[in-house]
Amino acid sequence: MRVLTDPDIPPSAGAYRPITVVAPEGSLLNARSPAAVAGGNVETSSRVADLVLGAFGRALGQGTMNNLTLGTDEWTYYETLGGGQGACPDADGPSAVHVAMSNTLNTPVEALELEFPLRVTEYALRRGSGGAGRHRGGDGVVRELQALTDMSFSLLTERRRHAPPGADGGEPGAPGRNLLDGSELEPKASGTLRSGQRLRLETPGGGGYGTPAAD
């Protein structure tokens, strides 16, 4: 709700007073033990943001944090990846960013390669993945890592089957993809990454806003 209001309004009790949260016990957002809730902080929260923005007629962003974990018995590496965000009525959506989640940093390629047996073979904008519209959705990113030793991997991602929708006639952003040596993986996947293999994440683009202008 904060992103839909005047950014100069200070966060205060008064700002939140008109909002009521209803989350019945036993629902996805108020699970009972022993329900699995490992993805609640990263994936479910992203989709709650989608729910609110969609209710107000806004184009949606990537709707996921593209969680990747790599490691062996000696080390573990975890990262999240930004993507495209939805366009606004008066502006294109930002590319290669997180919106629904903060407190994560972009790991520099040099630091990653110095610390872990990994090589970053590609890290770039996923050009054209944002949805078309009067204002275009932001682009996702491409992140491809090559293993320099055998290791385990785990992926927790969303928006691989369902594209982030646009609004007011804008087109959806491209859904994401996860690939191992060119073969597509499921949105939630785990396994072994052998030395020399490449794991590639293509994060979703954001939805466009408004009907594209005629040529």
N, C-alpha and C. Protein backbone atom coordinates (compact mmCIF):
# COMPACT_ATOMS: atom_id res chain seq x y z
N MET A 1 0.82 -1.21 0.00
CA MET A 1 0.00 0.00 0.00
C MET A 1 0.86 1.26 0.00
N ARG A 2 2.00 1.20 0.67
CA ARG A 2 2.87 2.38 0.76
C ARG A 2 3.33 2.84 -0.63
N VAL A 3 3.60 1.89 -1.53
CA VAL A 3 4.10 2.29 -2.84
C VAL A 3 3.03 2.94 -3.70
N LEU A 4 1.77 2.82 -3.30
CA LEU A 4 0.67 3.42 -4.04
C LEU A 4 0.29 4.80 -3.53
N THR A 5 0.94 5.24 -2.45
CA THR A 5 0.58 6.52 -1.86
C THR A 5 1.67 7.55 -2.13
N ASP A 6 1.43 8.77 -1.69
CA ASP A 6 2.40 9.84 -1.81
C ASP A 6 3.68 9.45 -1.07
N PRO A 7 4.83 9.39 -1.76
CA PRO A 7 6.06 8.95 -1.10
C PRO A 7 6.53 9.87 0.01
N ASP A 8 5.98 11.09 0.09
CA ASP A 8 6.38 12.02 1.15
C ASP A 8 5.62 11.80 2.45
N ILE A 9 4.58 10.93 2.42
CA ILE A 9 3.85 10.66 3.65
C ILE A 9 4.74 9.84 4.59
N PRO A 10 4.99 10.30 5.80
CA PRO A 10 5.87 9.54 6.70
C PRO A 10 5.20 8.27 7.17
N PRO A 11 5.96 7.19 7.36
CA PRO A 11 5.37 5.97 7.93
C PRO A 11 5.01 6.21 9.39
N SER A 12 3.75 6.11 9.69
CA SER A 12 3.28 6.37 11.05
C SER A 12 2.03 5.54 11.30
N ALA A 13 1.61 5.51 12.57
CA ALA A 13 0.40 4.76 12.91
C ALA A 13 -0.80 5.28 12.12
N GLY A 14 -0.85 6.58 11.89
CA GLY A 14 -1.96 7.15 11.13
C GLY A 14 -2.00 6.66 9.70
N ALA A 15 -0.82 6.42 9.11
CA ALA A 15 -0.77 5.97 7.72
C ALA A 15 -1.34 4.57 7.57
N TYR A 16 -1.21 3.76 8.62
CA TYR A 16 -1.65 2.37 8.54
C TYR A 16 -3.04 2.15 9.14
N ARG A 17 -3.59 3.16 9.79
CA ARG A 17 -4.87 2.99 10.49
C ARG A 17 -6.00 2.56 9.56
N PRO A 18 -6.08 3.04 8.31
CA PRO A 18 -7.21 2.63 7.46
C PRO A 18 -7.11 1.20 6.95
N ILE A 19 -6.01 0.50 7.21
CA ILE A 19 -5.78 -0.83 6.63
C ILE A 19 -6.10 -1.91 7.65
N THR A 20 -6.89 -2.88 7.23
CA THR A 20 -7.18 -4.05 8.04
C THR A 20 -6.70 -5.29 7.31
N VAL A 21 -5.93 -6.12 7.99
CA VAL A 21 -5.44 -7.36 7.41
C VAL A 21 -6.30 -8.51 7.92
N VAL A 22 -6.87 -9.27 6.98
CA VAL A 22 -7.69 -10.43 7.33
C VAL A 22 -7.00 -11.66 6.79
N ALA A 23 -6.51 -12.52 7.67
CA ALA A 23 -5.81 -13.74 7.27
C ALA A 23 -6.30 -14.88 8.16
N PRO A 24 -7.38 -15.56 7.76
CA PRO A 24 -7.94 -16.62 8.60
C PRO A 24 -6.93 -17.71 8.92
N GLU A 25 -6.98 -18.21 10.14
CA GLU A 25 -6.08 -19.29 10.54
C GLU A 25 -6.29 -20.51 9.64
N GLY A 26 -5.18 -21.09 9.22
CA GLY A 26 -5.26 -22.23 8.33
C GLY A 26 -5.15 -21.87 6.86
N SER A 27 -5.19 -20.57 6.56
CA SER A 27 -5.01 -20.14 5.17
C SER A 27 -3.52 -20.09 4.84
N LEU A 28 -3.23 -19.86 3.57
CA LEU A 28 -1.84 -19.79 3.12
C LEU A 28 -1.05 -18.75 3.89
N LEU A 29 -1.70 -17.63 4.25
CA LEU A 29 -1.00 -16.54 4.91
C LEU A 29 -1.04 -16.62 6.43
N ASN A 30 -1.65 -17.66 6.96
CA ASN A 30 -1.69 -17.86 8.41
C ASN A 30 -1.73 -19.36 8.67
N ALA A 31 -0.65 -20.01 8.26
CA ALA A 31 -0.61 -21.47 8.26
C ALA A 31 -0.52 -22.05 9.67
N ARG A 32 -1.04 -23.25 9.82
CA ARG A 32 -0.93 -23.99 11.06
C ARG A 32 0.24 -24.97 10.97
N SER A 33 0.94 -25.16 12.07
CA SER A 33 1.98 -26.19 12.13
C SER A 33 1.33 -27.56 11.90
N PRO A 34 1.96 -28.45 11.13
CA PRO A 34 3.33 -28.42 10.59
C PRO A 34 3.40 -28.02 9.12
N ALA A 35 2.56 -27.11 8.67
CA ALA A 35 2.58 -26.70 7.27
C ALA A 35 3.95 -26.14 6.88
N ALA A 36 4.36 -26.41 5.66
CA ALA A 36 5.65 -25.92 5.17
C ALA A 36 5.55 -24.42 4.88
N VAL A 37 6.43 -23.64 5.49
CA VAL A 37 6.38 -22.19 5.31
C VAL A 37 7.76 -21.61 4.94
N ALA A 38 8.65 -22.46 4.44
CA ALA A 38 10.02 -22.02 4.18
C ALA A 38 10.08 -20.86 3.19
N GLY A 39 9.16 -20.82 2.23
CA GLY A 39 9.20 -19.77 1.22
C GLY A 39 8.36 -18.55 1.56
N GLY A 40 7.83 -18.50 2.76
CA GLY A 40 6.92 -17.40 3.10
C GLY A 40 7.57 -16.04 3.06
N ASN A 41 8.79 -15.95 3.56
CA ASN A 41 9.46 -14.66 3.63
C ASN A 41 9.84 -14.13 2.26
N VAL A 42 10.10 -15.02 1.32
CA VAL A 42 10.61 -14.58 0.02
C VAL A 42 9.57 -14.69 -1.09
N GLU A 43 8.92 -15.85 -1.21
CA GLU A 43 8.01 -16.04 -2.35
C GLU A 43 6.58 -15.63 -2.04
N THR A 44 6.04 -16.08 -0.90
CA THR A 44 4.66 -15.73 -0.58
C THR A 44 4.51 -14.22 -0.41
N SER A 45 5.48 -13.59 0.22
CA SER A 45 5.40 -12.14 0.41
C SER A 45 5.39 -11.40 -0.92
N SER A 46 6.13 -11.93 -1.90
CA SER A 46 6.13 -11.30 -3.23
C SER A 46 4.76 -11.38 -3.88
N ARG A 47 4.07 -12.49 -3.66
CA ARG A 47 2.77 -12.64 -4.28
C ARG A 47 1.69 -11.84 -3.54
N VAL A 48 1.90 -11.57 -2.25
CA VAL A 48 1.00 -10.67 -1.54
C VAL A 48 1.09 -9.27 -2.14
N ALA A 49 2.31 -8.85 -2.45
CA ALA A 49 2.49 -7.55 -3.11
C ALA A 49 1.76 -7.54 -4.45
N ASP A 50 1.86 -8.64 -5.21
CA ASP A 50 1.12 -8.76 -6.47
C ASP A 50 -0.38 -8.60 -6.24
N LEU A 51 -0.87 -9.26 -5.22
CA LEU A 51 -2.30 -9.24 -4.91
C LEU A 51 -2.79 -7.81 -4.67
N VAL A 52 -2.04 -7.06 -3.87
CA VAL A 52 -2.45 -5.69 -3.55
C VAL A 52 -2.35 -4.80 -4.78
N LEU A 53 -1.24 -4.88 -5.50
CA LEU A 53 -1.07 -4.03 -6.68
C LEU A 53 -2.11 -4.36 -7.74
N GLY A 54 -2.39 -5.66 -7.94
CA GLY A 54 -3.39 -6.06 -8.92
C GLY A 54 -4.77 -5.56 -8.57
N ALA A 55 -5.10 -5.54 -7.28
CA ALA A 55 -6.41 -5.06 -6.84
C ALA A 55 -6.61 -3.58 -7.16
N PHE A 56 -5.50 -2.85 -7.27
CA PHE A 56 -5.58 -1.42 -7.60
C PHE A 56 -5.30 -1.15 -9.07
N GLY A 57 -5.36 -2.21 -9.90
CA GLY A 57 -5.25 -2.03 -11.34
C GLY A 57 -3.85 -1.73 -11.84
N ARG A 58 -2.83 -2.16 -11.11
CA ARG A 58 -1.45 -1.90 -11.53
C ARG A 58 -0.86 -3.11 -12.25
N ALA A 59 0.07 -2.84 -13.16
CA ALA A 59 0.83 -3.92 -13.80
C ALA A 59 1.74 -4.56 -12.76
N LEU A 60 1.94 -5.86 -12.87
CA LEU A 60 2.69 -6.59 -11.86
C LEU A 60 4.14 -6.82 -12.29
N GLY A 61 4.99 -6.94 -11.27
CA GLY A 61 6.40 -7.23 -11.51
C GLY A 61 6.68 -8.71 -11.44
N GLN A 62 7.95 -9.05 -11.29
CA GLN A 62 8.38 -10.44 -11.43
C GLN A 62 7.73 -11.39 -10.43
N GLY A 63 7.34 -10.92 -9.25
CA GLY A 63 6.59 -11.75 -8.32
C GLY A 63 7.38 -12.89 -7.72
N THR A 64 8.68 -12.79 -7.67
CA THR A 64 9.54 -13.83 -7.12
C THR A 64 10.88 -13.21 -6.77
N MET A 65 11.64 -13.92 -5.93
CA MET A 65 13.00 -13.47 -5.62
C MET A 65 14.05 -14.35 -6.27
N ASN A 66 13.61 -15.38 -7.03
CA ASN A 66 14.56 -16.21 -7.78
C ASN A 66 15.68 -16.73 -6.87
N ASN A 67 15.30 -17.48 -5.84
CA ASN A 67 16.24 -17.93 -4.82
C ASN A 67 17.12 -19.07 -5.34
N LEU A 68 18.42 -18.91 -5.19
CA LEU A 68 19.39 -19.91 -5.61
C LEU A 68 20.34 -20.21 -4.46
N THR A 69 20.49 -21.49 -4.13
CA THR A 69 21.44 -21.93 -3.11
C THR A 69 22.39 -22.93 -3.71
N LEU A 70 23.68 -22.76 -3.45
CA LEU A 70 24.73 -23.66 -3.93
C LEU A 70 25.61 -24.04 -2.76
N GLY A 71 26.21 -25.23 -2.79
CA GLY A 71 27.11 -25.55 -1.70
C GLY A 71 27.59 -26.98 -1.67
N THR A 72 28.51 -27.22 -0.73
CA THR A 72 29.03 -28.55 -0.41
C THR A 72 29.04 -28.67 1.11
N ASP A 73 29.70 -29.70 1.63
CA ASP A 73 29.82 -29.83 3.08
C ASP A 73 30.71 -28.74 3.68
N GLU A 74 31.52 -28.08 2.82
CA GLU A 74 32.47 -27.07 3.30
C GLU A 74 31.95 -25.64 3.20
N TRP A 75 31.03 -25.37 2.32
CA TRP A 75 30.59 -23.99 2.12
C TRP A 75 29.17 -23.97 1.57
N THR A 76 28.52 -22.81 1.74
CA THR A 76 27.18 -22.58 1.20
C THR A 76 27.11 -21.16 0.66
N TYR A 77 26.47 -21.02 -0.49
CA TYR A 77 26.27 -19.70 -1.09
C TYR A 77 24.79 -19.56 -1.45
N TYR A 78 24.22 -18.41 -1.08
CA TYR A 78 22.80 -18.15 -1.37
C TYR A 78 22.66 -16.77 -1.98
N GLU A 79 21.87 -16.68 -3.03
CA GLU A 79 21.60 -15.37 -3.61
C GLU A 79 20.17 -15.29 -4.11
N THR A 80 19.69 -14.07 -4.23
CA THR A 80 18.42 -13.80 -4.89
C THR A 80 18.72 -12.89 -6.08
N LEU A 81 17.83 -12.93 -7.05
CA LEU A 81 18.07 -12.18 -8.28
C LEU A 81 16.90 -11.24 -8.55
N GLY A 82 17.22 -10.01 -8.92
CA GLY A 82 16.22 -9.04 -9.30
C GLY A 82 15.59 -9.39 -10.64
N GLY A 83 14.57 -8.63 -11.00
CA GLY A 83 13.89 -8.85 -12.27
C GLY A 83 13.15 -7.61 -12.69
N GLY A 84 12.30 -7.75 -13.68
CA GLY A 84 11.53 -6.62 -14.17
C GLY A 84 10.33 -6.33 -13.29
N GLN A 85 10.02 -5.05 -13.15
CA GLN A 85 8.86 -4.64 -12.38
C GLN A 85 7.82 -4.00 -13.31
N GLY A 86 6.58 -3.96 -12.85
CA GLY A 86 5.50 -3.48 -13.69
C GLY A 86 5.61 -1.99 -13.99
N ALA A 87 5.14 -1.65 -15.18
CA ALA A 87 5.11 -0.24 -15.58
C ALA A 87 4.02 0.50 -14.82
N CYS A 88 4.17 1.80 -14.74
CA CYS A 88 3.19 2.68 -14.09
C CYS A 88 2.37 3.40 -15.16
N PRO A 89 1.28 4.07 -14.77
CA PRO A 89 0.51 4.84 -15.76
C PRO A 89 1.32 5.94 -16.42
N ASP A 90 2.42 6.38 -15.79
CA ASP A 90 3.18 7.50 -16.35
C ASP A 90 4.67 7.19 -16.53
N ALA A 91 5.08 5.92 -16.42
CA ALA A 91 6.51 5.62 -16.54
C ALA A 91 6.73 4.14 -16.82
N ASP A 92 7.83 3.83 -17.49
CA ASP A 92 8.24 2.45 -17.69
C ASP A 92 8.62 1.82 -16.35
N GLY A 93 8.53 0.51 -16.27
CA GLY A 93 8.93 -0.19 -15.06
C GLY A 93 10.44 -0.30 -14.96
N PRO A 94 10.99 -0.34 -13.74
CA PRO A 94 12.43 -0.49 -13.57
C PRO A 94 12.88 -1.92 -13.90
N SER A 95 14.11 -2.03 -14.34
CA SER A 95 14.68 -3.33 -14.71
C SER A 95 15.66 -3.82 -13.64
N ALA A 96 15.76 -5.14 -13.50
CA ALA A 96 16.80 -5.79 -12.70
C ALA A 96 16.82 -5.32 -11.24
N VAL A 97 15.66 -5.27 -10.61
CA VAL A 97 15.58 -4.82 -9.23
C VAL A 97 14.62 -5.71 -8.43
N HIS A 98 14.74 -5.65 -7.11
CA HIS A 98 13.73 -6.19 -6.21
C HIS A 98 12.83 -5.04 -5.77
N VAL A 99 11.54 -5.31 -5.65
CA VAL A 99 10.61 -4.31 -5.15
C VAL A 99 9.88 -4.80 -3.91
N ALA A 100 9.36 -6.03 -3.95
CA ALA A 100 8.58 -6.54 -2.83
C ALA A 100 9.46 -6.95 -1.65
N MET A 101 10.73 -7.11 -1.86
CA MET A 101 11.64 -7.55 -0.80
C MET A 101 12.88 -6.66 -0.82
N SER A 102 13.37 -6.34 0.37
CA SER A 102 14.60 -5.54 0.45
C SER A 102 15.66 -6.37 1.17
N ASN A 103 16.54 -5.75 1.89
CA ASN A 103 17.63 -6.33 2.69
C ASN A 103 18.42 -7.42 1.98
N THR A 104 18.53 -7.35 0.66
CA THR A 104 19.40 -8.25 -0.09
C THR A 104 20.34 -7.41 -0.94
N LEU A 105 21.55 -7.90 -1.10
CA LEU A 105 22.56 -7.18 -1.87
C LEU A 105 22.93 -7.95 -3.13
N ASN A 106 23.34 -7.21 -4.14
CA ASN A 106 23.84 -7.80 -5.36
C ASN A 106 25.31 -8.19 -5.14
N THR A 107 25.62 -9.48 -5.19
CA THR A 107 27.00 -9.94 -4.97
C THR A 107 27.86 -9.61 -6.18
N PRO A 108 28.93 -8.82 -6.02
CA PRO A 108 29.79 -8.51 -7.16
C PRO A 108 30.40 -9.78 -7.73
N VAL A 109 30.52 -9.83 -9.05
CA VAL A 109 31.08 -11.01 -9.71
C VAL A 109 32.48 -11.32 -9.19
N GLU A 110 33.29 -10.28 -9.00
CA GLU A 110 34.67 -10.49 -8.56
C GLU A 110 34.73 -11.15 -7.19
N ALA A 111 33.87 -10.69 -6.26
CA ALA A 111 33.85 -11.27 -4.92
C ALA A 111 33.38 -12.71 -4.95
N LEU A 112 32.36 -13.00 -5.75
CA LEU A 112 31.83 -14.35 -5.85
C LEU A 112 32.90 -15.31 -6.36
N GLU A 113 33.60 -14.92 -7.43
CA GLU A 113 34.58 -15.81 -8.04
C GLU A 113 35.82 -15.99 -7.16
N LEU A 114 36.15 -15.00 -6.34
CA LEU A 114 37.29 -15.13 -5.43
C LEU A 114 36.98 -16.06 -4.27
N GLU A 115 35.74 -16.05 -3.82
CA GLU A 115 35.37 -16.75 -2.59
C GLU A 115 34.93 -18.19 -2.83
N PHE A 116 34.32 -18.47 -3.98
CA PHE A 116 33.70 -19.77 -4.23
C PHE A 116 34.19 -20.37 -5.55
N PRO A 117 34.10 -21.70 -5.69
CA PRO A 117 34.51 -22.35 -6.94
C PRO A 117 33.44 -22.20 -8.03
N LEU A 118 33.21 -20.97 -8.41
CA LEU A 118 32.19 -20.63 -9.40
C LEU A 118 32.75 -19.62 -10.39
N ARG A 119 32.26 -19.70 -11.61
CA ARG A 119 32.59 -18.70 -12.62
C ARG A 119 31.29 -18.12 -13.17
N VAL A 120 31.19 -16.81 -13.20
CA VAL A 120 30.00 -16.15 -13.76
C VAL A 120 30.23 -15.99 -15.26
N THR A 121 29.55 -16.78 -16.05
CA THR A 121 29.74 -16.74 -17.49
C THR A 121 28.87 -15.70 -18.18
N GLU A 122 27.80 -15.29 -17.50
CA GLU A 122 26.96 -14.20 -18.04
C GLU A 122 26.16 -13.57 -16.91
N TYR A 123 26.10 -12.26 -16.92
CA TYR A 123 25.24 -11.51 -16.01
C TYR A 123 24.84 -10.25 -16.76
N ALA A 124 23.58 -10.20 -17.19
CA ALA A 124 23.17 -9.13 -18.09
C ALA A 124 21.67 -8.91 -17.99
N LEU A 125 21.20 -7.80 -18.52
CA LEU A 125 19.77 -7.58 -18.66
C LEU A 125 19.19 -8.59 -19.64
N ARG A 126 18.00 -9.04 -19.35
CA ARG A 126 17.28 -9.93 -20.26
C ARG A 126 16.45 -9.05 -21.20
N ARG A 127 17.10 -8.57 -22.22
CA ARG A 127 16.51 -7.56 -23.11
C ARG A 127 15.19 -8.05 -23.72
N GLY A 128 14.20 -7.18 -23.69
CA GLY A 128 12.92 -7.47 -24.31
C GLY A 128 11.98 -8.32 -23.48
N SER A 129 12.35 -8.62 -22.23
CA SER A 129 11.48 -9.46 -21.40
C SER A 129 10.35 -8.68 -20.74
N GLY A 130 10.46 -7.35 -20.70
CA GLY A 130 9.37 -6.53 -20.17
C GLY A 130 8.21 -6.48 -21.14
N GLY A 131 6.99 -6.45 -20.59
CA GLY A 131 5.80 -6.43 -21.44
C GLY A 131 5.63 -5.10 -22.17
N ALA A 132 5.15 -5.19 -23.39
CA ALA A 132 4.90 -3.98 -24.19
C ALA A 132 3.69 -3.23 -23.66
N GLY A 133 3.65 -1.95 -23.96
CA GLY A 133 2.53 -1.12 -23.55
C GLY A 133 2.82 0.33 -23.84
N ARG A 134 1.88 1.19 -23.50
CA ARG A 134 2.16 2.62 -23.60
C ARG A 134 3.39 2.95 -22.76
N HIS A 135 3.50 2.27 -21.64
CA HIS A 135 4.74 2.27 -20.85
C HIS A 135 5.16 0.82 -20.67
N ARG A 136 6.41 0.56 -20.96
CA ARG A 136 6.91 -0.82 -21.01
C ARG A 136 7.32 -1.32 -19.62
N GLY A 137 7.08 -2.61 -19.38
CA GLY A 137 7.54 -3.24 -18.15
C GLY A 137 9.05 -3.35 -18.14
N GLY A 138 9.62 -3.42 -16.93
CA GLY A 138 11.06 -3.54 -16.80
C GLY A 138 11.55 -4.92 -17.24
N ASP A 139 12.81 -4.98 -17.61
CA ASP A 139 13.42 -6.23 -18.05
C ASP A 139 13.98 -7.01 -16.86
N GLY A 140 13.96 -8.34 -16.98
CA GLY A 140 14.61 -9.20 -16.01
C GLY A 140 16.10 -9.27 -16.26
N VAL A 141 16.75 -10.23 -15.62
CA VAL A 141 18.19 -10.42 -15.81
C VAL A 141 18.47 -11.85 -16.24
N VAL A 142 19.66 -12.03 -16.81
CA VAL A 142 20.21 -13.35 -17.09
C VAL A 142 21.41 -13.54 -16.18
N ARG A 143 21.42 -14.64 -15.47
CA ARG A 143 22.55 -14.95 -14.56
C ARG A 143 22.94 -16.40 -14.83
N GLU A 144 24.15 -16.61 -15.34
CA GLU A 144 24.62 -17.96 -15.64
C GLU A 144 25.91 -18.22 -14.89
N LEU A 145 25.91 -19.31 -14.11
CA LEU A 145 27.06 -19.68 -13.29
C LEU A 145 27.59 -21.04 -13.74
N GLN A 146 28.91 -21.14 -13.82
CA GLN A 146 29.55 -22.42 -14.14
C GLN A 146 30.23 -22.97 -12.90
N ALA A 147 29.96 -24.24 -12.58
CA ALA A 147 30.59 -24.88 -11.43
C ALA A 147 32.02 -25.27 -11.76
N LEU A 148 32.94 -25.00 -10.84
CA LEU A 148 34.33 -25.40 -11.01
C LEU A 148 34.66 -26.64 -10.17
N THR A 149 33.67 -27.14 -9.44
CA THR A 149 33.75 -28.39 -8.70
C THR A 149 32.33 -28.91 -8.53
N ASP A 150 32.18 -30.15 -8.14
CA ASP A 150 30.83 -30.67 -7.91
C ASP A 150 30.20 -29.99 -6.70
N MET A 151 28.91 -29.72 -6.77
CA MET A 151 28.20 -29.06 -5.68
C MET A 151 26.71 -29.34 -5.79
N SER A 152 25.99 -29.13 -4.71
CA SER A 152 24.54 -29.23 -4.72
C SER A 152 23.94 -27.88 -5.10
N PHE A 153 22.75 -27.92 -5.70
CA PHE A 153 22.03 -26.68 -5.99
C PHE A 153 20.57 -26.84 -5.59
N SER A 154 19.95 -25.71 -5.27
CA SER A 154 18.53 -25.67 -4.96
C SER A 154 17.94 -24.39 -5.53
N LEU A 155 16.80 -24.50 -6.17
CA LEU A 155 16.10 -23.36 -6.76
C LEU A 155 14.71 -23.24 -6.16
N LEU A 156 14.35 -22.05 -5.75
CA LEU A 156 13.01 -21.73 -5.27
C LEU A 156 12.56 -20.49 -6.02
N THR A 157 11.79 -20.69 -7.07
CA THR A 157 11.42 -19.59 -7.96
C THR A 157 9.94 -19.67 -8.31
N GLU A 158 9.40 -18.54 -8.76
CA GLU A 158 8.01 -18.44 -9.20
C GLU A 158 7.98 -17.77 -10.57
N ARG A 159 6.76 -17.64 -11.09
CA ARG A 159 6.53 -16.97 -12.38
C ARG A 159 7.29 -17.64 -13.52
N ARG A 160 7.36 -18.96 -13.49
CA ARG A 160 7.95 -19.70 -14.60
C ARG A 160 6.86 -20.20 -15.55
N ARG A 161 5.66 -20.41 -15.04
CA ARG A 161 4.55 -20.87 -15.88
C ARG A 161 3.57 -19.74 -16.21
N HIS A 162 3.37 -18.85 -15.26
CA HIS A 162 2.39 -17.77 -15.42
C HIS A 162 3.11 -16.43 -15.50
N ALA A 163 2.93 -15.73 -16.59
CA ALA A 163 3.64 -14.47 -16.83
C ALA A 163 3.07 -13.35 -15.96
N PRO A 164 3.91 -12.41 -15.52
CA PRO A 164 3.42 -11.25 -14.78
C PRO A 164 2.49 -10.40 -15.66
N PRO A 165 1.23 -10.23 -15.28
CA PRO A 165 0.29 -9.54 -16.17
C PRO A 165 0.50 -8.04 -16.23
N GLY A 166 0.15 -7.48 -17.38
CA GLY A 166 0.12 -6.04 -17.54
C GLY A 166 -1.21 -5.48 -17.07
N ALA A 167 -1.43 -4.19 -17.32
CA ALA A 167 -2.66 -3.54 -16.89
C ALA A 167 -3.11 -2.53 -17.94
N ASP A 168 -4.42 -2.30 -17.98
CA ASP A 168 -5.02 -1.31 -18.88
C ASP A 168 -4.59 -1.54 -20.33
N GLY A 169 -4.56 -2.79 -20.76
CA GLY A 169 -4.19 -3.12 -22.13
C GLY A 169 -2.72 -3.42 -22.34
N GLY A 170 -1.91 -3.26 -21.31
CA GLY A 170 -0.50 -3.59 -21.42
C GLY A 170 -0.28 -5.09 -21.47
N GLU A 171 0.77 -5.51 -22.14
CA GLU A 171 1.04 -6.93 -22.31
C GLU A 171 1.83 -7.49 -21.12
N PRO A 172 1.71 -8.80 -20.88
CA PRO A 172 2.46 -9.41 -19.77
C PRO A 172 3.96 -9.41 -20.02
N GLY A 173 4.72 -9.46 -18.93
CA GLY A 173 6.15 -9.67 -19.06
C GLY A 173 6.43 -11.13 -19.37
N ALA A 174 7.64 -11.41 -19.79
CA ALA A 174 8.03 -12.78 -20.10
C ALA A 174 8.18 -13.58 -18.81
N PRO A 175 7.68 -14.82 -18.77
CA PRO A 175 7.94 -15.64 -17.59
C PRO A 175 9.42 -16.00 -17.50
N GLY A 176 9.85 -16.38 -16.30
CA GLY A 176 11.24 -16.75 -16.12
C GLY A 176 11.54 -18.16 -16.60
N ARG A 177 12.83 -18.48 -16.62
CA ARG A 177 13.27 -19.84 -16.99
C ARG A 177 14.49 -20.21 -16.16
N ASN A 178 14.59 -21.50 -15.81
CA ASN A 178 15.77 -22.06 -15.15
C ASN A 178 16.30 -23.17 -16.04
N LEU A 179 17.61 -23.14 -16.32
CA LEU A 179 18.18 -24.13 -17.23
C LEU A 179 19.48 -24.69 -16.68
N LEU A 180 19.68 -25.98 -16.89
CA LEU A 180 20.93 -26.65 -16.55
C LEU A 180 21.52 -27.19 -17.85
N ASP A 181 22.64 -26.60 -18.28
CA ASP A 181 23.26 -26.95 -19.57
C ASP A 181 22.24 -26.92 -20.70
N GLY A 182 21.36 -25.95 -20.67
CA GLY A 182 20.38 -25.76 -21.74
C GLY A 182 19.08 -26.51 -21.57
N SER A 183 19.01 -27.44 -20.61
CA SER A 183 17.78 -28.19 -20.38
C SER A 183 16.97 -27.50 -19.28
N GLU A 184 15.68 -27.34 -19.54
CA GLU A 184 14.84 -26.57 -18.62
C GLU A 184 14.57 -27.34 -17.33
N LEU A 185 14.63 -26.62 -16.20
CA LEU A 185 14.37 -27.17 -14.89
C LEU A 185 13.01 -26.69 -14.39
N GLU A 186 12.47 -27.38 -13.41
CA GLU A 186 11.23 -26.97 -12.77
C GLU A 186 11.46 -25.70 -11.95
N PRO A 187 10.40 -24.95 -11.66
CA PRO A 187 10.55 -23.74 -10.83
C PRO A 187 11.16 -24.03 -9.45
N LYS A 188 10.78 -25.16 -8.86
CA LYS A 188 11.39 -25.62 -7.62
C LYS A 188 12.18 -26.88 -7.94
N ALA A 189 13.49 -26.81 -7.81
CA ALA A 189 14.32 -27.93 -8.22
C ALA A 189 15.56 -28.00 -7.35
N SER A 190 16.10 -29.19 -7.21
CA SER A 190 17.36 -29.38 -6.51
C SER A 190 18.09 -30.55 -7.14
N GLY A 191 19.40 -30.58 -6.95
CA GLY A 191 20.18 -31.65 -7.53
C GLY A 191 21.66 -31.37 -7.38
N THR A 192 22.44 -32.03 -8.22
CA THR A 192 23.89 -31.88 -8.21
C THR A 192 24.35 -31.16 -9.45
N LEU A 193 25.16 -30.16 -9.24
CA LEU A 193 25.78 -29.41 -10.34
C LEU A 193 27.21 -29.92 -10.46
N ARG A 194 27.50 -30.63 -11.54
CA ARG A 194 28.83 -31.21 -11.73
C ARG A 194 29.82 -30.17 -12.24
N SER A 195 31.09 -30.41 -11.96
CA SER A 195 32.13 -29.50 -12.43
C SER A 195 32.02 -29.30 -13.94
N GLY A 196 32.00 -28.05 -14.36
CA GLY A 196 31.88 -27.71 -15.78
C GLY A 196 30.47 -27.43 -16.23
N GLN A 197 29.47 -27.86 -15.46
CA GLN A 197 28.09 -27.59 -15.86
C GLN A 197 27.71 -26.14 -15.58
N ARG A 198 26.70 -25.67 -16.32
CA ARG A 198 26.26 -24.29 -16.20
C ARG A 198 24.79 -24.23 -15.79
N LEU A 199 24.54 -23.44 -14.77
CA LEU A 199 23.18 -23.20 -14.29
C LEU A 199 22.80 -21.78 -14.68
N ARG A 200 21.68 -21.65 -15.39
CA ARG A 200 21.28 -20.35 -15.95
C ARG A 200 19.89 -19.99 -15.45
N LEU A 201 19.75 -18.79 -14.90
CA LEU A 201 18.46 -18.25 -14.50
C LEU A 201 18.13 -17.05 -15.37
N GLU A 202 16.94 -17.06 -15.95
CA GLU A 202 16.42 -15.92 -16.71
C GLU A 202 15.20 -15.43 -15.94
N THR A 203 15.32 -14.28 -15.29
CA THR A 203 14.25 -13.83 -14.41
C THR A 203 13.13 -13.15 -15.19
N PRO A 204 11.91 -13.14 -14.64
CA PRO A 204 10.76 -12.60 -15.37
C PRO A 204 10.87 -11.09 -15.61
N GLY A 205 10.19 -10.65 -16.67
CA GLY A 205 10.02 -9.23 -16.92
C GLY A 205 8.73 -8.73 -16.29
N GLY A 206 8.59 -7.42 -16.17
CA GLY A 206 7.39 -6.84 -15.61
C GLY A 206 6.32 -6.60 -16.67
N GLY A 207 5.09 -6.51 -16.23
CA GLY A 207 3.98 -6.25 -17.15
C GLY A 207 3.98 -4.81 -17.64
N GLY A 208 3.50 -4.61 -18.86
CA GLY A 208 3.38 -3.27 -19.43
C GLY A 208 2.10 -2.58 -18.98
N TYR A 209 2.02 -1.27 -19.18
CA TYR A 209 0.83 -0.51 -18.80
C TYR A 209 0.31 0.26 -20.00
N GLY A 210 -0.98 0.09 -20.28
CA GLY A 210 -1.62 0.84 -21.36
C GLY A 210 -1.47 0.15 -22.71
N THR A 211 -2.43 0.36 -23.55
CA THR A 211 -2.39 -0.22 -24.88
C THR A 211 -1.24 0.37 -25.67
N PRO A 212 -0.41 -0.49 -26.31
CA PRO A 212 0.71 0.05 -27.09
C PRO A 212 0.21 0.99 -28.18
N ALA A 213 0.97 2.05 -28.42
CA ALA A 213 0.61 3.00 -29.47
C ALA A 213 0.72 2.36 -30.84
N ALA A 214 -0.20 2.70 -31.75
CA ALA A 214 -0.18 2.15 -33.11
C ALA A 214 0.97 2.76 -33.88
N ASP A 215 1.58 1.95 -34.76
CA ASP A 215 2.67 2.45 -35.61
C ASP A 215 2.14 3.42 -36.65
